[in-house]
């Protein structure tokens, strides 16, 4: 593996998993890495813990301007040819960096490579349901890739929890759009593809990513994801499969109105039964997961339609 790879880790609050994350990065196979942690609002105790236990880790502050600002500042401070990103709630496989970098050797035209997300073995039941829900929706989102993918394969997007860029290309496009979160990684990848750059995915590059552990966090994330998707749609005027989600909501709403206004109760009841059965099949007959799917669907769409009236950067 070549020298000159920096790993940039975004962290906020009092991250429960930061020690596991750092240990997994230090245990990467190959030469030593330049490790930079983005302080996007670390607690006092977390900051002291990192400085005392991992003095070799450089800390760059986002100055409370968001992770995009902090990540960009970290990239500017390093002199590496490649920059890899992950988050403090991720634990990297020991071959994570090697498998990302290998694609740049095999595919000289690559400016970006991402990898697979799995969940750690100690993930709680709620988090496991959230992960399964994400996996069920993989046909609509670029956040995770199909299990059938065999890499390296060209893709449209890689999430910032598991991705490596050529630093020169990253800086050329101005890095992540500051003030945007989440979705700043989608925005950058759209701009890269418009420039004609190629992005790849290697399923052998793996990080274990802890899903939201609380319902409130899950709902907040889905709302923010929906919000930023509408901002990206207005900004870039490109079609993404995820935009079928609000279309589905509108279609269901129209059908309800038609049934209520022009049909009898049996047809209305039949439609609801079919809708519930479809949802249960989607959720693998897991009633809790079905409920999470409905809640997430409502939260995501609430954010999306709110974003239509929001002026984005």
Protein backbone atom coordinates (compact mmCIF):
# COMPACT_ATOMS: atom_id res chain seq x y z
CA UNK A 1 0.00 0.00 0.00
CA UNK A 2 1.22 3.50 -0.81
CA UNK A 3 2.13 6.04 1.77
CA UNK A 4 0.10 9.22 1.88
CA UNK A 5 -3.37 8.22 3.07
CA UNK A 6 -5.21 10.28 5.64
CA UNK A 7 -8.23 8.98 7.54
CA UNK A 8 -10.68 11.67 8.62
CA UNK A 9 -13.25 10.80 11.29
CA UNK A 10 -16.21 13.04 12.12
CA UNK A 11 -17.30 13.03 15.78
CA UNK A 12 -19.85 14.96 17.84
CA UNK A 13 -21.19 15.01 21.39
CA UNK A 14 -20.07 12.20 23.67
CA UNK A 15 -19.55 9.44 21.12
CA UNK A 16 -20.15 6.04 22.67
CA UNK A 17 -18.07 4.19 20.12
CA UNK A 18 -15.14 6.54 19.43
CA UNK A 19 -12.62 4.25 21.15
CA UNK A 20 -13.69 1.26 19.06
CA UNK A 21 -13.55 3.36 15.92
CA UNK A 22 -10.03 4.65 16.57
CA UNK A 23 -8.73 1.23 17.55
CA UNK A 24 -10.06 -0.24 14.31
CA UNK A 25 -8.33 2.49 12.27
CA UNK A 26 -5.03 1.97 14.11
CA UNK A 27 -5.31 -1.78 13.39
CA UNK A 28 -5.51 -1.36 9.61
CA UNK A 29 -3.18 -3.63 7.66
CA UNK A 30 -0.37 -1.84 5.84
CA UNK A 31 1.74 1.26 6.58
CA UNK A 32 0.74 3.78 9.21
CA UNK A 33 -1.99 6.29 8.45
CA UNK A 34 -2.36 9.99 9.12
CA UNK A 35 -5.44 10.06 11.38
CA UNK A 36 -7.43 13.27 11.83
CA UNK A 37 -10.50 13.57 14.03
CA UNK A 38 -13.03 16.31 13.24
CA UNK A 39 -14.34 17.85 16.47
CA UNK A 40 -17.88 18.83 15.50
CA UNK A 41 -18.87 19.45 19.10
CA UNK A 42 -17.17 16.79 21.19
CA UNK A 43 -17.91 16.78 24.89
CA UNK A 44 -15.13 17.91 27.22
CA UNK A 45 -14.63 14.34 28.51
CA UNK A 46 -14.47 12.88 25.00
CA UNK A 47 -11.88 15.43 23.91
CA UNK A 48 -9.67 14.69 26.92
CA UNK A 49 -10.07 10.92 26.42
CA UNK A 50 -8.86 11.16 22.82
CA UNK A 51 -5.93 13.45 23.60
CA UNK A 52 -4.73 11.24 26.48
CA UNK A 53 -5.19 7.80 24.90
CA UNK A 54 -4.49 8.69 21.24
CA UNK A 55 -1.95 11.54 21.25
CA UNK A 56 -0.98 10.73 17.65
CA UNK A 57 -4.46 11.64 16.44
CA UNK A 58 -4.68 15.19 15.15
CA UNK A 59 -7.88 17.03 16.11
CA UNK A 60 -9.38 19.65 13.80
CA UNK A 61 -12.36 21.70 14.97
CA UNK A 62 -15.33 22.45 12.76
CA UNK A 63 -15.82 25.60 14.87
CA UNK A 64 -19.46 24.55 15.28
CA UNK A 65 -20.06 25.06 11.54
CA UNK A 66 -20.96 21.43 10.86
CA UNK A 67 -19.10 18.29 9.76
CA UNK A 68 -18.65 19.47 6.16
CA UNK A 69 -16.64 22.47 7.32
CA UNK A 70 -14.52 20.33 9.66
CA UNK A 71 -13.85 17.64 7.06
CA UNK A 72 -12.82 20.25 4.49
CA UNK A 73 -10.47 21.87 7.00
CA UNK A 74 -8.94 18.47 7.78
CA UNK A 75 -8.34 17.74 4.07
CA UNK A 76 -6.62 21.11 3.64
CA UNK A 77 -4.34 20.40 6.61
CA UNK A 78 -3.13 17.03 5.34
CA UNK A 79 -0.76 16.52 2.44
CA UNK A 80 -1.79 12.98 1.53
CA UNK A 81 -2.62 11.89 -1.99
CA UNK A 82 -5.76 10.11 -0.74
CA UNK A 83 -8.28 10.98 1.97
CA UNK A 84 -10.61 8.38 3.50
CA UNK A 85 -13.67 9.26 5.55
CA UNK A 86 -15.60 7.45 8.22
CA UNK A 87 -17.65 8.38 11.30
CA UNK A 88 -17.11 7.88 15.01
CA UNK A 89 -19.98 5.36 15.20
CA UNK A 90 -18.24 3.05 12.72
CA UNK A 91 -15.80 0.20 13.30
CA UNK A 92 -13.60 -0.60 10.31
CA UNK A 93 -12.60 -4.05 9.14
CA UNK A 94 -8.82 -4.54 9.24
CA UNK A 95 -8.67 -4.54 5.42
CA UNK A 96 -10.89 -1.46 5.03
CA UNK A 97 -8.23 0.98 3.79
CA UNK A 98 -6.37 -1.65 1.76
CA UNK A 99 -9.54 -2.58 -0.17
CA UNK A 100 -10.41 1.06 -0.88
CA UNK A 101 -6.90 1.88 -2.06
CA UNK A 102 -6.66 -1.29 -4.18
CA UNK A 103 -9.39 0.03 -6.48
CA UNK A 104 -7.35 3.14 -7.29
CA UNK A 105 -4.50 0.88 -8.40
CA UNK A 106 -6.76 -1.33 -10.52
CA UNK A 107 -8.84 1.58 -11.82
CA UNK A 108 -6.54 4.58 -12.46
CA UNK A 109 -9.56 6.59 -13.66
CA UNK A 110 -11.20 6.35 -10.21
CA UNK A 111 -11.45 9.52 -8.11
CA UNK A 112 -13.56 7.89 -5.39
CA UNK A 113 -14.18 4.45 -3.94
CA UNK A 114 -16.65 3.36 -1.28
CA UNK A 115 -17.52 0.11 0.42
CA UNK A 116 -20.00 -2.02 2.31
CA UNK A 117 -21.85 -1.20 5.52
CA UNK A 118 -22.66 -3.93 8.03
CA UNK A 119 -23.68 -3.80 11.68
CA UNK A 120 -21.53 -4.70 14.69
CA UNK A 121 -22.34 -7.89 16.55
CA UNK A 122 -23.28 -5.98 19.71
CA UNK A 123 -25.98 -3.90 17.97
CA UNK A 124 -29.20 -3.85 20.02
CA UNK A 125 -32.50 -5.23 18.69
CA UNK A 126 -33.86 -1.78 17.81
CA UNK A 127 -30.76 -0.96 15.78
CA UNK A 128 -30.95 -4.32 14.01
CA UNK A 129 -34.51 -3.55 12.92
CA UNK A 130 -33.42 -0.14 11.61
CA UNK A 131 -30.58 -1.77 9.67
CA UNK A 132 -32.97 -4.34 8.17
CA UNK A 133 -35.29 -1.50 7.19
CA UNK A 134 -32.45 0.27 5.40
CA UNK A 135 -31.55 -2.97 3.64
CA UNK A 136 -35.17 -3.44 2.54
CA UNK A 137 -35.12 0.01 0.94
CA UNK A 138 -31.78 -0.53 -0.81
CA UNK A 139 -33.47 -0.50 -4.23
CA UNK A 140 -34.35 3.18 -3.65
CA UNK A 141 -31.29 4.56 -1.89
CA UNK A 142 -27.56 4.84 -2.54
CA UNK A 143 -26.81 4.75 1.17
CA UNK A 144 -26.32 1.00 0.96
CA UNK A 145 -25.63 -1.19 -2.06
CA UNK A 146 -27.29 -4.36 -3.32
CA UNK A 147 -25.89 -7.61 -1.89
CA UNK A 148 -25.50 -8.82 -5.47
CA UNK A 149 -22.90 -6.15 -6.27
CA UNK A 150 -19.51 -7.61 -7.14
CA UNK A 151 -16.75 -5.06 -7.20
CA UNK A 152 -15.14 -3.01 -8.12
CA UNK A 153 -18.13 -1.55 -9.96
CA UNK A 154 -18.90 2.02 -11.01
CA UNK A 155 -21.62 3.72 -8.93
CA UNK A 156 -23.32 7.10 -8.59
CA UNK A 157 -22.68 7.67 -4.87
CA UNK A 158 -20.76 6.47 -1.82
CA UNK A 159 -21.72 7.64 1.70
CA UNK A 160 -19.12 9.50 3.75
CA UNK A 161 -19.00 6.80 6.46
CA UNK A 162 -17.00 4.59 4.08
CA UNK A 163 -15.28 6.35 1.20
CA UNK A 164 -11.88 7.40 -0.13
CA UNK A 165 -11.19 10.27 -2.56
CA UNK A 166 -8.22 11.51 -4.49
CA UNK A 167 -7.37 14.62 -2.49
CA UNK A 168 -6.61 16.69 -5.58
CA UNK A 169 -10.06 16.04 -7.10
CA UNK A 170 -11.74 16.62 -3.74
CA UNK A 171 -10.11 20.04 -3.38
CA UNK A 172 -10.67 20.94 -7.03
CA UNK A 173 -14.43 20.77 -6.49
CA UNK A 174 -14.29 22.61 -3.17
CA UNK A 175 -14.92 19.55 -1.03
CA UNK A 176 -18.20 19.05 0.81
CA UNK A 177 -20.73 21.86 0.55
CA UNK A 178 -20.39 23.68 3.86
CA UNK A 179 -23.62 24.27 5.73
CA UNK A 180 -25.20 21.14 4.24
CA UNK A 181 -25.78 18.07 6.39
CA UNK A 182 -26.76 15.37 5.77
CA UNK A 183 -26.46 14.90 2.01
CA UNK A 184 -23.19 16.77 1.57
CA UNK A 185 -21.62 13.55 0.29
CA UNK A 186 -24.40 13.11 -2.27
CA UNK A 187 -23.95 16.70 -3.40
CA UNK A 188 -20.19 16.21 -3.88
CA UNK A 189 -20.65 12.97 -5.80
CA UNK A 190 -23.24 14.57 -8.11
CA UNK A 191 -20.77 17.38 -8.85
CA UNK A 192 -17.99 14.85 -9.47
CA UNK A 193 -20.09 12.89 -11.94
CA UNK A 194 -21.11 16.07 -13.74
CA UNK A 195 -17.39 16.77 -14.10
CA UNK A 196 -16.98 13.37 -15.74
CA UNK A 197 -15.18 11.74 -12.81
CA UNK A 198 -15.72 8.05 -12.04
CA UNK A 199 -16.80 6.68 -8.66
CA UNK A 200 -16.41 3.03 -7.72
CA UNK A 201 -17.67 0.63 -5.06
CA UNK A 202 -15.76 -2.31 -3.61
CA UNK A 203 -17.86 -4.66 -1.43
CA UNK A 204 -14.68 -6.02 0.17
CA UNK A 205 -14.08 -2.69 1.92
CA UNK A 206 -16.22 -2.99 5.05
CA UNK A 207 -17.18 -0.83 8.00
CA UNK A 208 -19.55 -1.87 10.76
CA UNK A 209 -21.90 1.06 11.29
CA UNK A 210 -24.08 1.39 14.41
CA UNK A 211 -27.65 2.34 13.37
CA UNK A 212 -29.73 4.81 15.43
CA UNK A 213 -30.37 3.35 18.85
CA UNK A 214 -33.39 5.47 19.73
CA UNK A 215 -36.70 6.10 18.00
CA UNK A 216 -36.32 9.88 18.33
CA UNK A 217 -32.90 9.77 16.64
CA UNK A 218 -34.26 7.58 13.85
CA UNK A 219 -37.16 9.97 13.21
CA UNK A 220 -34.90 13.02 13.27
CA UNK A 221 -32.49 11.42 10.79
CA UNK A 222 -35.25 10.43 8.39
CA UNK A 223 -36.71 13.95 8.52
CA UNK A 224 -33.30 15.48 7.78
CA UNK A 225 -32.67 12.98 4.98
CA UNK A 226 -35.98 13.92 3.38
CA UNK A 227 -35.29 17.62 3.82
CA UNK A 228 -31.92 17.51 2.12
CA UNK A 229 -33.20 15.35 -0.75
CA UNK A 230 -35.61 18.06 -1.82
CA UNK A 231 -32.82 20.66 -1.58
CA UNK A 232 -30.59 18.48 -3.76
CA UNK A 233 -33.39 17.97 -6.27
CA UNK A 234 -33.90 21.73 -6.60
CA UNK A 235 -30.18 22.45 -6.79
CA UNK A 236 -29.01 19.81 -9.25
CA UNK A 237 -32.14 18.98 -11.28
CA UNK A 238 -31.19 15.32 -11.46
CA UNK A 239 -33.44 12.31 -10.97
CA UNK A 240 -32.72 9.88 -8.15
CA UNK A 241 -34.82 6.80 -7.37
CA UNK A 242 -35.46 8.10 -3.86
CA UNK A 243 -37.71 10.76 -5.41
CA UNK A 244 -40.27 8.00 -5.99
CA UNK A 245 -41.02 8.07 -2.23
CA UNK A 246 -43.02 11.34 -2.22
CA UNK A 247 -44.69 10.16 -5.44
CA UNK A 248 -45.87 7.06 -3.56
CA UNK A 249 -47.30 9.24 -0.78
CA UNK A 250 -49.16 11.41 -3.29
CA UNK A 251 -50.47 8.32 -5.10
CA UNK A 252 -51.79 6.78 -1.86
CA UNK A 253 -53.39 10.09 -0.90
CA UNK A 254 -55.12 10.42 -4.28
CA UNK A 255 -56.42 6.84 -4.08
CA UNK A 256 -57.79 7.50 -0.59
CA UNK A 257 -59.61 10.62 -1.80
CA UNK A 258 -61.08 8.78 -4.80
CA UNK A 259 -62.23 5.85 -2.67
CA UNK A 260 -63.76 8.09 -0.02
CA UNK A 261 -65.55 10.29 -2.54
CA UNK A 262 -66.59 7.86 -5.26
CA UNK A 263 -66.51 4.34 -3.82
CA UNK A 264 -68.21 2.41 -1.09
CA UNK A 265 -66.83 1.14 2.21
CA UNK A 266 -65.93 -2.38 0.90
CA UNK A 267 -63.52 -0.95 -1.71
CA UNK A 268 -62.01 1.41 0.87
CA UNK A 269 -61.58 -1.48 3.34
CA UNK A 270 -60.06 -3.74 0.66
CA UNK A 271 -57.48 -1.10 -0.27
CA UNK A 272 -56.45 -0.71 3.38
CA UNK A 273 -56.16 -4.48 3.85
CA UNK A 274 -53.97 -4.75 0.75
CA UNK A 275 -51.84 -1.84 1.95
CA UNK A 276 -51.31 -3.41 5.39
CA UNK A 277 -50.52 -6.82 3.91
CA UNK A 278 -48.00 -5.29 1.51
CA UNK A 279 -46.37 -3.46 4.40
CA UNK A 280 -46.16 -6.64 6.50
CA UNK A 281 -44.60 -8.57 3.60
CA UNK A 282 -42.08 -5.74 3.12
CA UNK A 283 -41.25 -5.86 6.84
CA UNK A 284 -40.86 -9.65 6.86
CA UNK A 285 -44.00 -10.04 9.05
CA UNK A 286 -42.23 -8.05 11.80
CA UNK A 287 -44.97 -5.77 13.19
CA UNK A 288 -42.47 -3.51 14.98
CA UNK A 289 -40.44 -3.06 11.82
CA UNK A 290 -43.64 -2.39 9.87
CA UNK A 291 -44.47 0.37 12.35
CA UNK A 292 -40.97 1.81 11.97
CA UNK A 293 -41.39 1.76 8.19
CA UNK A 294 -44.62 3.78 8.44
CA UNK A 295 -43.10 6.24 10.92
CA UNK A 296 -39.97 6.64 8.80
CA UNK A 297 -42.05 7.09 5.63
CA UNK A 298 -44.05 9.88 7.27
CA UNK A 299 -40.97 11.55 8.77
CA UNK A 300 -38.97 11.41 5.52
CA UNK A 301 -41.86 12.87 3.49
CA UNK A 302 -42.42 15.58 6.10
CA UNK A 303 -38.82 16.64 5.65
CA UNK A 304 -39.00 16.40 1.87
CA UNK A 305 -42.07 18.63 1.51
CA UNK A 306 -40.69 21.06 4.10
CA UNK A 307 -37.54 21.26 1.98
CA UNK A 308 -39.55 22.28 -1.08
CA UNK A 309 -40.26 25.58 0.66
CA UNK A 310 -36.82 25.97 2.22
CA UNK A 311 -34.06 27.98 0.63
CA UNK A 312 -30.95 25.79 0.57
CA UNK A 313 -27.29 26.76 0.23
